[in-house]
Structures are given as structure tokens and as C-alpha cells.
C-alpha atoms as a PDB file:
ATOM      1  CA  UNK A   1     -95.084  12.711   9.116  1.00  0.00           C
ATOM      2  CA  UNK A   2     -91.756  14.389   9.923  1.00  0.00           C
ATOM      3  CA  UNK A   3     -89.199  11.635  10.535  1.00  0.00           C
ATOM      4  CA  UNK A   4     -86.589  12.090  13.289  1.00  0.00           C
ATOM      5  CA  UNK A   5     -83.613   9.810  13.945  1.00  0.00           C
ATOM      6  CA  UNK A   6     -81.873   9.808  17.331  1.00  0.00           C
ATOM      7  CA  UNK A   7     -78.512   8.157  16.714  1.00  0.00           C
ATOM      8  CA  UNK A   8     -75.756   6.724  18.918  1.00  0.00           C
ATOM      9  CA  UNK A   9     -78.048   6.291  21.900  1.00  0.00           C
ATOM     10  CA  UNK A  10     -75.525   3.788  23.284  1.00  0.00           C
ATOM     11  CA  UNK A  11     -77.248   2.589  26.449  1.00  0.00           C
ATOM     12  CA  UNK A  12     -80.724   3.740  25.449  1.00  0.00           C
ATOM     13  CA  UNK A  13     -81.135   6.657  27.894  1.00  0.00           C
ATOM     14  CA  UNK A  14     -82.592   8.966  25.245  1.00  0.00           C
ATOM     15  CA  UNK A  15     -85.343   6.534  24.288  1.00  0.00           C
ATOM     16  CA  UNK A  16     -86.452   6.316  27.904  1.00  0.00           C
ATOM     17  CA  UNK A  17     -87.098  10.036  28.370  1.00  0.00           C
ATOM     18  CA  UNK A  18     -90.590  11.543  28.564  1.00  0.00           C
ATOM     19  CA  UNK A  19     -89.779  14.591  26.423  1.00  0.00           C
ATOM     20  CA  UNK A  20     -90.482  12.759  23.144  1.00  0.00           C
ATOM     21  CA  UNK A  21     -94.196  12.663  23.945  1.00  0.00           C
ATOM     22  CA  UNK A  22     -94.316  16.339  22.967  1.00  0.00           C
ATOM     23  CA  UNK A  23     -93.576  15.309  19.374  1.00  0.00           C
ATOM     24  CA  UNK A  24     -96.090  12.475  19.184  1.00  0.00           C
ATOM     25  CA  UNK A  25     -98.535  14.403  16.994  1.00  0.00           C
ATOM     26  CA  UNK A  26     -95.903  16.200  14.906  1.00  0.00           C
ATOM     27  CA  UNK A  27     -93.145  13.696  14.255  1.00  0.00           C
ATOM     28  CA  UNK A  28     -92.188  10.047  14.368  1.00  0.00           C
ATOM     29  CA  UNK A  29     -88.981   9.416  16.332  1.00  0.00           C
ATOM     30  CA  UNK A  30     -86.693   6.408  15.795  1.00  0.00           C
ATOM     31  CA  UNK A  31     -83.855   5.496  18.145  1.00  0.00           C
ATOM     32  CA  UNK A  32     -80.598   3.731  17.237  1.00  0.00           C
ATOM     33  CA  UNK A  33     -78.276   2.406  19.926  1.00  0.00           C
ATOM     34  CA  UNK A  34     -75.556   1.020  17.667  1.00  0.00           C
ATOM     35  CA  UNK A  35     -72.744   3.146  16.252  1.00  0.00           C
ATOM     36  CA  UNK A  36     -72.126   2.991  12.505  1.00  0.00           C
ATOM     37  CA  UNK A  37     -68.608   3.666  11.241  1.00  0.00           C
ATOM     38  CA  UNK A  38     -69.304   2.586   7.655  1.00  0.00           C
ATOM     39  CA  UNK A  39     -70.378   5.557   5.538  1.00  0.00           C
ATOM     40  CA  UNK A  40     -72.553   3.490   3.209  1.00  0.00           C
ATOM     41  CA  UNK A  41     -74.426   1.940   6.130  1.00  0.00           C
ATOM     42  CA  UNK A  42     -74.895   5.356   7.747  1.00  0.00           C
ATOM     43  CA  UNK A  43     -76.270   6.929   4.569  1.00  0.00           C
ATOM     44  CA  UNK A  44     -78.605   3.993   3.973  1.00  0.00           C
ATOM     45  CA  UNK A  45     -79.948   4.254   7.526  1.00  0.00           C
ATOM     46  CA  UNK A  46     -80.551   7.997   7.475  1.00  0.00           C
ATOM     47  CA  UNK A  47     -81.902   8.538   3.951  1.00  0.00           C
ATOM     48  CA  UNK A  48     -85.523   8.409   5.066  1.00  0.00           C
ATOM     49  CA  UNK A  49     -85.168  11.003   7.832  1.00  0.00           C
ATOM     50  CA  UNK A  50     -85.986  14.704   7.815  1.00  0.00           C
ATOM     51  CA  UNK A  51     -84.064  15.365  11.038  1.00  0.00           C
ATOM     52  CA  UNK A  52     -81.162  13.742  12.866  1.00  0.00           C
ATOM     53  CA  UNK A  53     -80.308  14.242  16.516  1.00  0.00           C
ATOM     54  CA  UNK A  54     -76.641  13.439  17.127  1.00  0.00           C
ATOM     55  CA  UNK A  55     -75.018  12.884  20.501  1.00  0.00           C
ATOM     56  CA  UNK A  56     -71.981  15.161  20.627  1.00  0.00           C
ATOM     57  CA  UNK A  57     -69.277  14.069  18.161  1.00  0.00           C
ATOM     58  CA  UNK A  58     -69.994  10.347  18.084  1.00  0.00           C
ATOM     59  CA  UNK A  59     -70.831  10.363  14.354  1.00  0.00           C
ATOM     60  CA  UNK A  60     -69.167  12.741  11.849  1.00  0.00           C
ATOM     61  CA  UNK A  61     -71.288  14.622   9.320  1.00  0.00           C
ATOM     62  CA  UNK A  62     -68.959  15.789   6.550  1.00  0.00           C
ATOM     63  CA  UNK A  63     -70.276  17.190   3.289  1.00  0.00           C
ATOM     64  CA  UNK A  64     -69.834  13.796   1.600  1.00  0.00           C
ATOM     65  CA  UNK A  65     -72.429  12.293   3.942  1.00  0.00           C
ATOM     66  CA  UNK A  66     -74.920  15.166   4.023  1.00  0.00           C
ATOM     67  CA  UNK A  67     -74.940  15.464   0.220  1.00  0.00           C
ATOM     68  CA  UNK A  68     -76.370  11.941   0.084  1.00  0.00           C
ATOM     69  CA  UNK A  69     -79.203  12.681   2.512  1.00  0.00           C
ATOM     70  CA  UNK A  70     -81.647  14.633   0.306  1.00  0.00           C
ATOM     71  CA  UNK A  71     -84.472  14.588   2.870  1.00  0.00           C
ATOM     72  CA  UNK A  72     -82.333  15.948   5.711  1.00  0.00           C
ATOM     73  CA  UNK A  73     -83.496  19.411   6.712  1.00  0.00           C
ATOM     74  CA  UNK A  74     -82.531  19.613  10.382  1.00  0.00           C
ATOM     75  CA  UNK A  75     -79.371  18.375  12.121  1.00  0.00           C
ATOM     76  CA  UNK A  76     -79.236  18.768  15.905  1.00  0.00           C
ATOM     77  CA  UNK A  77     -76.217  18.134  18.094  1.00  0.00           C
ATOM     78  CA  UNK A  78     -76.192  17.984  21.861  1.00  0.00           C
ATOM     79  CA  UNK A  79     -74.074  20.920  22.966  1.00  0.00           C
ATOM     80  CA  UNK A  80     -73.533  24.167  21.095  1.00  0.00           C
ATOM     81  CA  UNK A  81     -70.429  23.089  19.189  1.00  0.00           C
ATOM     82  CA  UNK A  82     -69.557  19.972  17.238  1.00  0.00           C
ATOM     83  CA  UNK A  83     -66.269  19.683  15.358  1.00  0.00           C
ATOM     84  CA  UNK A  84     -67.569  16.565  13.566  1.00  0.00           C
ATOM     85  CA  UNK A  85     -70.228  18.522  11.648  1.00  0.00           C
ATOM     86  CA  UNK A  86     -69.288  20.523   8.543  1.00  0.00           C
ATOM     87  CA  UNK A  87     -71.585  23.408   9.399  1.00  0.00           C
ATOM     88  CA  UNK A  88     -70.724  25.514   6.333  1.00  0.00           C
ATOM     89  CA  UNK A  89     -71.505  22.639   3.960  1.00  0.00           C
ATOM     90  CA  UNK A  90     -74.740  21.957   5.806  1.00  0.00           C
ATOM     91  CA  UNK A  91     -75.851  25.539   5.323  1.00  0.00           C
ATOM     92  CA  UNK A  92     -75.005  25.426   1.623  1.00  0.00           C
ATOM     93  CA  UNK A  93     -77.164  22.302   1.350  1.00  0.00           C
ATOM     94  CA  UNK A  94     -80.087  24.015   3.076  1.00  0.00           C
ATOM     95  CA  UNK A  95     -79.714  21.998   6.289  1.00  0.00           C
ATOM     96  CA  UNK A  96     -80.330  23.844   9.542  1.00  0.00           C
ATOM     97  CA  UNK A  97     -77.758  22.914  12.193  1.00  0.00           C
ATOM     98  CA  UNK A  98     -78.609  23.677  15.778  1.00  0.00           C
ATOM     99  CA  UNK A  99     -77.637  22.600  19.273  1.00  0.00           C
ATOM    100  CA  UNK A 100     -78.705  22.258  22.870  1.00  0.00           C
ATOM    101  CA  UNK A 101     -77.591  23.240  26.298  1.00  0.00           C
ATOM    102  CA  UNK A 102     -75.289  21.029  28.373  1.00  0.00           C
ATOM    103  CA  UNK A 103     -74.641  21.169  32.085  1.00  0.00           C
ATOM    104  CA  UNK A 104     -71.223  22.560  33.061  1.00  0.00           C
ATOM    105  CA  UNK A 105     -70.451  20.300  36.007  1.00  0.00           C
ATOM    106  CA  UNK A 106     -70.473  16.629  34.858  1.00  0.00           C
ATOM    107  CA  UNK A 107     -67.137  16.780  33.015  1.00  0.00           C
ATOM    108  CA  UNK A 108     -65.542  18.620  35.940  1.00  0.00           C
ATOM    109  CA  UNK A 109     -66.767  15.916  38.315  1.00  0.00           C
ATOM    110  CA  UNK A 110     -65.418  13.163  36.068  1.00  0.00           C
ATOM    111  CA  UNK A 111     -62.071  14.963  35.949  1.00  0.00           C
ATOM    112  CA  UNK A 112     -61.847  14.634  39.695  1.00  0.00           C
ATOM    113  CA  UNK A 113     -62.899  10.994  39.594  1.00  0.00           C
ATOM    114  CA  UNK A 114     -59.871  10.363  37.372  1.00  0.00           C
ATOM    115  CA  UNK A 115     -57.497  12.468  39.475  1.00  0.00           C
ATOM    116  CA  UNK A 116     -58.634  10.762  42.659  1.00  0.00           C
ATOM    117  CA  UNK A 117     -58.251   7.307  41.113  1.00  0.00           C
ATOM    118  CA  UNK A 118     -54.721   8.158  39.968  1.00  0.00           C
ATOM    119  CA  UNK A 119     -53.841   9.513  43.402  1.00  0.00           C
ATOM    120  CA  UNK A 120     -55.683   7.106  45.707  1.00  0.00           C
ATOM    121  CA  UNK A 121     -55.832   3.951  43.539  1.00  0.00           C
ATOM    122  CA  UNK A 122     -59.285   3.008  44.824  1.00  0.00           C
ATOM    123  CA  UNK A 123     -60.180   0.949  41.766  1.00  0.00           C
ATOM    124  CA  UNK A 124     -56.916  -0.976  41.785  1.00  0.00           C
ATOM    125  CA  UNK A 125     -57.174  -1.594  45.528  1.00  0.00           C
ATOM    126  CA  UNK A 126     -60.791  -2.751  45.236  1.00  0.00           C
ATOM    127  CA  UNK A 127     -59.848  -5.159  42.465  1.00  0.00           C
ATOM    128  CA  UNK A 128     -56.964  -6.522  44.531  1.00  0.00           C
ATOM    129  CA  UNK A 129     -59.101  -6.885  47.619  1.00  0.00           C
ATOM    130  CA  UNK A 130     -61.542  -9.119  45.763  1.00  0.00           C
ATOM    131  CA  UNK A 131     -58.766 -11.549  44.845  1.00  0.00           C
ATOM    132  CA  UNK A 132     -57.202 -11.638  48.302  1.00  0.00           C
ATOM    133  CA  UNK A 133     -54.603  -8.840  48.106  1.00  0.00           C
ATOM    134  CA  UNK A 134     -54.639  -6.571  51.150  1.00  0.00           C
ATOM    135  CA  UNK A 135     -53.104  -3.212  50.138  1.00  0.00           C
ATOM    136  CA  UNK A 136     -51.101  -3.324  46.927  1.00  0.00           C
ATOM    137  CA  UNK A 137     -49.776   0.218  46.783  1.00  0.00           C
ATOM    138  CA  UNK A 138     -49.448   3.587  48.488  1.00  0.00           C
ATOM    139  CA  UNK A 139     -51.633   6.591  47.659  1.00  0.00           C
ATOM    140  CA  UNK A 140     -50.582  10.181  47.094  1.00  0.00           C
ATOM    141  CA  UNK A 141     -51.496  13.375  48.946  1.00  0.00           C
ATOM    142  CA  UNK A 142     -53.397  16.076  47.099  1.00  0.00           C
ATOM    143  CA  UNK A 143     -53.007  18.676  49.852  1.00  0.00           C
ATOM    144  CA  UNK A 144     -49.890  20.642  48.995  1.00  0.00           C
ATOM    145  CA  UNK A 145     -49.582  19.187  45.489  1.00  0.00           C
ATOM    146  CA  UNK A 146     -49.729  21.402  42.392  1.00  0.00           C
ATOM    147  CA  UNK A 147     -52.610  21.271  39.914  1.00  0.00           C
ATOM    148  CA  UNK A 148     -52.084  22.687  36.426  1.00  0.00           C
ATOM    149  CA  UNK A 149     -55.288  23.649  34.592  1.00  0.00           C
ATOM    150  CA  UNK A 150     -54.937  24.034  30.822  1.00  0.00           C
ATOM    151  CA  UNK A 151     -57.918  26.165  29.827  1.00  0.00           C
ATOM    152  CA  UNK A 152     -59.666  28.277  32.452  1.00  0.00           C
ATOM    153  CA  UNK A 153     -63.186  28.448  31.042  1.00  0.00           C
ATOM    154  CA  UNK A 154     -66.342  27.288  32.809  1.00  0.00           C
ATOM    155  CA  UNK A 155     -65.071  23.736  33.304  1.00  0.00           C
ATOM    156  CA  UNK A 156     -61.519  24.749  34.098  1.00  0.00           C
ATOM    157  CA  UNK A 157     -62.714  27.146  36.783  1.00  0.00           C
ATOM    158  CA  UNK A 158     -64.798  24.436  38.431  1.00  0.00           C
ATOM    159  CA  UNK A 159     -61.871  22.034  38.425  1.00  0.00           C
ATOM    160  CA  UNK A 160     -59.562  24.725  39.792  1.00  0.00           C
ATOM    161  CA  UNK A 161     -61.961  25.556  42.631  1.00  0.00           C
ATOM    162  CA  UNK A 162     -62.135  21.914  43.688  1.00  0.00           C
ATOM    163  CA  UNK A 163     -58.354  21.673  43.581  1.00  0.00           C
ATOM    164  CA  UNK A 164     -58.091  24.680  45.875  1.00  0.00           C
ATOM    165  CA  UNK A 165     -60.612  23.059  48.243  1.00  0.00           C
ATOM    166  CA  UNK A 166     -58.293  20.036  48.462  1.00  0.00           C
ATOM    167  CA  UNK A 167     -55.490  22.404  49.500  1.00  0.00           C
ATOM    168  CA  UNK A 168     -53.673  22.220  46.166  1.00  0.00           C
ATOM    169  CA  UNK A 169     -51.633  24.988  44.582  1.00  0.00           C
ATOM    170  CA  UNK A 170     -53.436  25.795  41.334  1.00  0.00           C
ATOM    171  CA  UNK A 171     -51.740  27.049  38.159  1.00  0.00           C
ATOM    172  CA  UNK A 172     -53.453  27.914  34.886  1.00  0.00           C
ATOM    173  CA  UNK A 173     -52.549  28.579  31.284  1.00  0.00           C
ATOM    174  CA  UNK A 174     -54.316  29.059  27.983  1.00  0.00           C
ATOM    175  CA  UNK A 175     -53.447  30.994  24.876  1.00  0.00           C
ATOM    176  CA  UNK A 176     -55.447  34.114  25.773  1.00  0.00           C
ATOM    177  CA  UNK A 177     -55.638  33.851  29.556  1.00  0.00           C
ATOM    178  CA  UNK A 178     -54.965  37.130  31.364  1.00  0.00           C
ATOM    179  CA  UNK A 179     -53.600  37.750  34.846  1.00  0.00           C
ATOM    180  CA  UNK A 180     -56.903  39.406  35.762  1.00  0.00           C
ATOM    181  CA  UNK A 181     -58.902  36.334  34.741  1.00  0.00           C
ATOM    182  CA  UNK A 182     -56.615  34.099  36.750  1.00  0.00           C
ATOM    183  CA  UNK A 183     -56.806  36.356  39.782  1.00  0.00           C
ATOM    184  CA  UNK A 184     -60.610  36.348  39.693  1.00  0.00           C
ATOM    185  CA  UNK A 185     -60.499  32.534  39.744  1.00  0.00           C
ATOM    186  CA  UNK A 186     -57.933  32.450  42.547  1.00  0.00           C
ATOM    187  CA  UNK A 187     -55.236  30.755  40.463  1.00  0.00           C
ATOM    188  CA  UNK A 188     -51.707  31.625  39.401  1.00  0.00           C
ATOM    189  CA  UNK A 189     -51.364  32.328  35.681  1.00  0.00           C
ATOM    190  CA  UNK A 190     -48.090  31.004  34.282  1.00  0.00           C
ATOM    191  CA  UNK A 191     -46.552  30.145  30.927  1.00  0.00           C
ATOM    192  CA  UNK A 192     -47.359  26.802  29.342  1.00  0.00           C
ATOM    193  CA  UNK A 193     -43.808  25.599  29.953  1.00  0.00           C
ATOM    194  CA  UNK A 194     -43.900  26.540  33.638  1.00  0.00           C
ATOM    195  CA  UNK A 195     -47.268  24.858  34.131  1.00  0.00           C
ATOM    196  CA  UNK A 196     -46.052  21.536  32.751  1.00  0.00           C
ATOM    197  CA  UNK A 197     -42.771  21.762  34.631  1.00  0.00           C
ATOM    198  CA  UNK A 198     -44.270  22.521  38.061  1.00  0.00           C
ATOM    199  CA  UNK A 199     -47.529  20.557  38.105  1.00  0.00           C
ATOM    200  CA  UNK A 200     -48.134  17.216  39.787  1.00  0.00           C
ATOM    201  CA  UNK A 201     -51.431  16.886  37.892  1.00  0.00           C
ATOM    202  CA  UNK A 202     -52.142  18.537  34.532  1.00  0.00           C
ATOM    203  CA  UNK A 203     -55.781  18.606  33.463  1.00  0.00           C
ATOM    204  CA  UNK A 204     -57.005  19.778  30.060  1.00  0.00           C
ATOM    205  CA  UNK A 205     -60.137  21.878  29.552  1.00  0.00           C
ATOM    206  CA  UNK A 206     -59.790  23.419  26.102  1.00  0.00           C
ATOM    207  CA  UNK A 207     -62.309  23.498  23.289  1.00  0.00           C
ATOM    208  CA  UNK A 208     -61.033  21.430  20.392  1.00  0.00           C
ATOM    209  CA  UNK A 209     -60.126  23.298  17.192  1.00  0.00           C
ATOM    210  CA  UNK A 210     -57.261  23.386  14.731  1.00  0.00           C
ATOM    211  CA  UNK A 211     -55.595  25.878  17.050  1.00  0.00           C
ATOM    212  CA  UNK A 212     -55.644  23.454  19.976  1.00  0.00           C
ATOM    213  CA  UNK A 213     -54.780  20.281  18.036  1.00  0.00           C
ATOM    214  CA  UNK A 214     -51.673  18.690  19.640  1.00  0.00           C
ATOM    215  CA  UNK A 215     -51.259  21.687  21.951  1.00  0.00           C
ATOM    216  CA  UNK A 216     -49.869  19.085  24.366  1.00  0.00           C
ATOM    217  CA  UNK A 217     -47.063  17.289  22.582  1.00  0.00           C
ATOM    218  CA  UNK A 218     -43.610  15.835  23.080  1.00  0.00           C
ATOM    219  CA  UNK A 219     -42.153  19.124  24.336  1.00  0.00           C
ATOM    220  CA  UNK A 220     -44.817  19.593  27.016  1.00  0.00           C
ATOM    221  CA  UNK A 221     -44.805  15.954  28.132  1.00  0.00           C
ATOM    222  CA  UNK A 222     -41.004  16.084  28.307  1.00  0.00           C
ATOM    223  CA  UNK A 223     -41.233  18.958  30.779  1.00  0.00           C
ATOM    224  CA  UNK A 224     -43.441  17.044  33.209  1.00  0.00           C
ATOM    225  CA  UNK A 225     -42.102  15.401  36.346  1.00  0.00           C
ATOM    226  CA  UNK A 226     -41.721  11.606  36.107  1.00  0.00           C
ATOM    227  CA  UNK A 227     -44.209  11.450  38.994  1.00  0.00           C
ATOM    228  CA  UNK A 228     -46.787  13.773  37.398  1.00  0.00           C
ATOM    229  CA  UNK A 229     -50.091  12.764  35.809  1.00  0.00           C
ATOM    230  CA  UNK A 230     -51.934  14.013  32.732  1.00  0.00           C
ATOM    231  CA  UNK A 231     -55.754  14.051  32.694  1.00  0.00           C
ATOM    232  CA  UNK A 232     -57.793  14.674  29.543  1.00  0.00           C
ATOM    233  CA  UNK A 233     -61.590  14.922  29.590  1.00  0.00           C
ATOM    234  CA  UNK A 234     -61.816  17.367  26.667  1.00  0.00           C
ATOM    235  CA  UNK A 235     -60.889  15.902  23.263  1.00  0.00           C
ATOM    236  CA  UNK A 236     -58.223  13.340  22.383  1.00  0.00           C
ATOM    237  CA  UNK A 237     -56.541  15.281  19.514  1.00  0.00           C
ATOM    238  CA  UNK A 238     -55.608  18.094  21.905  1.00  0.00           C
ATOM    239  CA  UNK A 239     -52.874  15.700  23.079  1.00  0.00           C
ATOM    240  CA  UNK A 240     -50.427  14.218  20.573  1.00  0.00           C
ATOM    241  CA  UNK A 241     -51.307  10.558  21.045  1.00  0.00           C
ATOM    242  CA  UNK A 242     -48.021   9.179  19.723  1.00  0.00           C
ATOM    243  CA  UNK A 243     -46.089  11.421  22.082  1.00  0.00           C
ATOM    244  CA  UNK A 244     -48.322  10.373  24.974  1.00  0.00           C
ATOM    245  CA  UNK A 245     -47.672   6.685  24.292  1.00  0.00           C
ATOM    246  CA  UNK A 246     -43.922   7.329  24.227  1.00  0.00           C
ATOM    247  CA  UNK A 247     -44.163   9.275  27.493  1.00  0.00           C
ATOM    248  CA  UNK A 248     -46.147   6.521  29.215  1.00  0.00           C
ATOM    249  CA  UNK A 249     -43.982   3.627  28.045  1.00  0.00           C
ATOM    250  CA  UNK A 250     -40.789   5.601  28.619  1.00  0.00           C
ATOM    251  CA  UNK A 251     -41.685   6.668  32.146  1.00  0.00           C
ATOM    252  CA  UNK A 252     -41.511  10.348  31.295  1.00  0.00           C
ATOM    253  CA  UNK A 253     -44.681  10.872  33.337  1.00  0.00           C
ATOM    254  CA  UNK A 254     -46.298   8.993  36.191  1.00  0.00           C
ATOM    255  CA  UNK A 255     -49.433   8.111  34.251  1.00  0.00           C
ATOM    256  CA  UNK A 256     -52.599   9.426  32.629  1.00  0.00           C
ATOM    257  CA  UNK A 257     -56.349   9.514  33.151  1.00  0.00           C
ATOM    258  CA  UNK A 258     -58.195   9.638  29.829  1.00  0.00           C
ATOM    259  CA  UNK A 259     -61.909   9.884  29.103  1.00  0.00           C
ATOM    260  CA  UNK A 260     -61.493  10.740  25.411  1.00  0.00           C
ATOM    261  CA  UNK A 261     -59.964   8.730  22.573  1.00  0.00           C
ATOM    262  CA  UNK A 262     -59.093   9.234  18.905  1.00  0.00           C
ATOM    263  CA  UNK A 263     -61.582   6.582  17.787  1.00  0.00           C
ATOM    264  CA  UNK A 264     -64.780   6.077  19.759  1.00  0.00           C
ATOM    265  CA  UNK A 265     -65.944   3.508  20.657  1.00  0.00           C
ATOM    266  CA  UNK A 266     -62.318   2.598  21.205  1.00  0.00           C
ATOM    267  CA  UNK A 267     -61.187  -0.439  19.169  1.00  0.00           C
ATOM    268  CA  UNK A 268     -59.494  -3.397  20.840  1.00  0.00           C
ATOM    269  CA  UNK A 269     -56.383  -2.661  18.781  1.00  0.00           C
ATOM    270  CA  UNK A 270     -55.870   0.829  20.226  1.00  0.00           C
ATOM    271  CA  UNK A 271     -52.377   0.876  21.821  1.00  0.00           C
ATOM    272  CA  UNK A 272     -53.571   3.064  24.698  1.00  0.00           C
ATOM    273  CA  UNK A 273     -55.319  -0.015  26.110  1.00  0.00           C
ATOM    274  CA  UNK A 274     -51.907  -1.570  26.700  1.00  0.00           C
ATOM    275  CA  UNK A 275     -50.117   1.526  27.940  1.00  0.00           C
ATOM    276  CA  UNK A 276     -48.916   1.392  31.567  1.00  0.00           C
ATOM    277  CA  UNK A 277     -50.185   3.512  34.455  1.00  0.00           C
ATOM    278  CA  UNK A 278     -53.434   4.612  32.854  1.00  0.00           C
ATOM    279  CA  UNK A 279     -57.007   5.030  34.031  1.00  0.00           C
ATOM    280  CA  UNK A 280     -59.333   4.888  31.020  1.00  0.00           C
ATOM    281  CA  UNK A 281     -63.046   5.620  30.803  1.00  0.00           C
ATOM    282  CA  UNK A 282     -65.329   5.475  27.710  1.00  0.00           C
ATOM    283  CA  UNK A 283     -66.086   9.202  27.253  1.00  0.00           C
ATOM    284  CA  UNK A 284     -68.550   9.405  30.113  1.00  0.00           C
ATOM    285  CA  UNK A 285     -67.733  12.931  31.293  1.00  0.00           C
ATOM    286  CA  UNK A 286     -70.990  14.311  29.908  1.00  0.00           C
ATOM    287  CA  UNK A 287     -73.018  11.088  30.135  1.00  0.00           C
ATOM    288  CA  UNK A 288     -75.184  11.843  33.149  1.00  0.00           C
ATOM    289  CA  UNK A 289     -78.943  11.574  33.554  1.00  0.00           C
ATOM    290  CA  UNK A 290     -79.248  15.316  34.090  1.00  0.00           C
ATOM    291  CA  UNK A 291     -77.322  16.107  30.919  1.00  0.00           C
ATOM    292  CA  UNK A 292     -79.388  13.720  28.823  1.00  0.00           C
ATOM    293  CA  UNK A 293     -82.647  15.130  30.187  1.00  0.00           C
ATOM    294  CA  UNK A 294     -81.559  18.708  29.464  1.00  0.00           C
ATOM    295  CA  UNK A 295     -80.022  18.175  26.033  1.00  0.00           C
ATOM    296  CA  UNK A 296     -82.725  15.934  24.590  1.00  0.00           C
ATOM    297  CA  UNK A 297     -85.483  18.162  25.953  1.00  0.00           C
ATOM    298  CA  UNK A 298     -83.771  21.040  24.156  1.00  0.00           C
ATOM    299  CA  UNK A 299     -83.579  18.894  20.997  1.00  0.00           C
ATOM    300  CA  UNK A 300     -87.335  18.365  21.177  1.00  0.00           C
ATOM    301  CA  UNK A 301     -87.771  22.135  21.496  1.00  0.00           C
ATOM    302  CA  UNK A 302     -85.554  22.612  18.434  1.00  0.00           C
ATOM    303  CA  UNK A 303     -87.657  20.194  16.376  1.00  0.00           C
ATOM    304  CA  UNK A 304     -90.883  21.826  17.548  1.00  0.00           C
ATOM    305  CA  UNK A 305     -89.588  25.319  16.765  1.00  0.00           C
ATOM    306  CA  UNK A 306     -88.304  24.222  13.352  1.00  0.00           C
ATOM    307  CA  UNK A 307     -91.668  22.734  12.403  1.00  0.00           C
ATOM    308  CA  UNK A 308     -93.412  25.914  13.550  1.00  0.00           C
ATOM    309  CA  UNK A 309     -90.920  28.086  11.640  1.00  0.00           C
ATOM    310  CA  UNK A 310     -89.709  29.677  14.854  1.00  0.00           C
ATOM    311  CA  UNK A 311     -86.069  30.465  15.770  1.00  0.00           C
ATOM    312  CA  UNK A 312     -83.908  27.508  16.827  1.00  0.00           C
ATOM    313  CA  UNK A 313     -80.536  27.339  18.621  1.00  0.00           C
ATOM    314  CA  UNK A 314     -78.437  27.699  15.475  1.00  0.00           C
ATOM    315  CA  UNK A 315     -74.747  26.793  15.686  1.00  0.00           C
END
């Protein structure tokens, strides 16, 4: 029987879905909640499988790994892009790489959870309240503040619209953003330098690639107000992490809200855990019940189509 591995199912939500019943007569599905960072252990685990379903970019699949998985014929990622998969090498090895749909709103909602926590300090105040501290700080107003959106795609537009609903002035920049695109979204298109200089909150919504690696670095962070906040729910390498640590410890910026990290799960030794004025979450922007139901149902469709020699959602 066709063997399918569902990996990095951290809290087990994938295993609890009903969609797998559709494969019961065609394939045997195994679920793994733990995350393997050791290449040898990963190869040993996956050698018996014909298909692997990966959750986003939790586990890399370079050529050196795929070459040692002779049975692997189908590699599915949630989402329609995955920088951790060497797609060209997979094709040369005869491995079909395909993806799934993802909902556009969960990451935008998480972005606002981080912005609101930075501005209103609800988590810090709740923690203080439980140990007897009645009001430990003063919140900030969003109405009248300036929101800078780096990347005005589907997610960026959602975030911008919510900012406008709060009464914020919304700026936007990306490498190919036009005035017409900004006008249709109701935002002011500015240069990258002006966005970082004027914004009270800068939020990143770019797709990660070599072109966007470290697009936010020392120069951009140095332009920010000492009271401004940086929020990243996209990918960690888009921000130069060393520069961010310097900015946080040096008081260049007011703080940061981060859902993405260079190494995930984040190790206890990561210096960001000890950086001041940060709100950190464990890459949960896409981790909603609706997203899991949609993406894993699509993965089941991909497996079914592959076995029936029908078209799949090829990356």
C-alpha cells in the first residue's frame, strides 16, 4: 500500500482531521508530531515512505536528503511555495512536488494581535494583575499613529485595511509597488527610507526569497523612531537578525513583535529570547483550525490525484 508520512504535526491537529478517511483504501498514513533536526534521523524515518506531507517550512528538503529517499515519489507542502524544498533537485530525481491552498486572513489577524499587544500591553498587564500589580504601564493610541506596511500583497492589504479602520495613517512600500496599486488599497506609497522614518509600527508582509533576504537591516532599523515597533509575521531572514538584536538592546527602536525565527522550534540559546521589549510567538500566524482543515484536505486531494494519475497542484 502507498505509504504517506505527515511530518511536524506539532500539536496533532492533522491527525485529528476527518479528511484522511478518503485515503483509507488507497494509502496508509503515519503521523509524526516531533521535529527532527538530525539529517540521519530524518532519512531513517522517511525511507519507507512513498509520499511526505510537510507543514510549511518546518523541515528542509535539500537534494542531499531527497537523494537518500529512493521510495519518495510525492512531496506535498502546505501552501504553494516552500523555500525549504529544492524543487529543481526534486524534479531531477523524479519526485513530484505540489502544494495546497492556505487562507489569507490568519497571518493578518496574528499581525494585529502582536501590534495590539505592543501598543496596549494586555499580556503584560494580565501577568502583573495575577501577582498583585495594578497597572504597570501606559498604553499607546493607534488612532492617528502611522502604520508602515512592507509588502502590499494579499496579506499586506488586509493589514493595511485594518490599520485604516483603527484611524491610522497607512504607508506602503515594496520593490515593485506602484502608485496605482497603493491608491487602490487606500494607502500612501513611499520610498523604503521614508516608510521606516515616518512609521510608528512597521509590519512585514513579503514573500521570502534571495531578493528579500535582509531587506530590513541596520540602515532601515537606524531610520526608525526610538518609539517605533517592528512586527514580522513573514519569515525571519527578511530581517537581519544581528542588526535587530543591536537595535533592541541599543534602544534604536521601541520593540518588536516576532512570530518567525531563524531556527524553529526556537532553541533556548537563541538571543532573541533575552532581548528587551519583545513579544514573541512560536510561528502561529498560519496555525488555525480553518487553515489546517483546508490545507490537509487539499493534501489528501493531491495524493488521490497522484495515485489516479490526474493533475496535482504542482509548485
